[in-house]
Amino acid sequence: MIRLHAALIVAVCALVTVFLRSAPFLFFGGQQGIPGIIRRLGRTLPPAIMAALVVYCLKSVPFGSAADGAKQLAAAAAVVVLHLCRKNTLLSIAGGTALYMLLLRL
């Protein structure tokens, strides 16, 4: 019974994944263009999601003294500087993470 239940869960997850991966091709794969609202969402959602993640990550930074949240804020500043200089999201995230890990070890 448990194996059947687990198999059904895996099957449903697989079907939903296949549907979600093929949905853009099914709905927008023809000769018609992508609707304007979808294009606007494609431009505005990534920065909005990144902003929400930054707020979430920095919400627990202690501000009791200058040294409390310095490591987190330095890493966040490094991400911003790297992104403004290089315009490479992967490099920005990797650089900020590496700096934060280095600062934790010091």
Foldseek 3Di string as FASTA:
>chain_A
DVVVVVVVVVVVVVVVVVCVVCVCCVVAVDPDHDDPVVVVCVVPVVVVVVVVVLCVVCVPQDVPDPPRRVLVVVLVVQLVVCCVVPVDNVCSVVSSVVSSVVVVVD
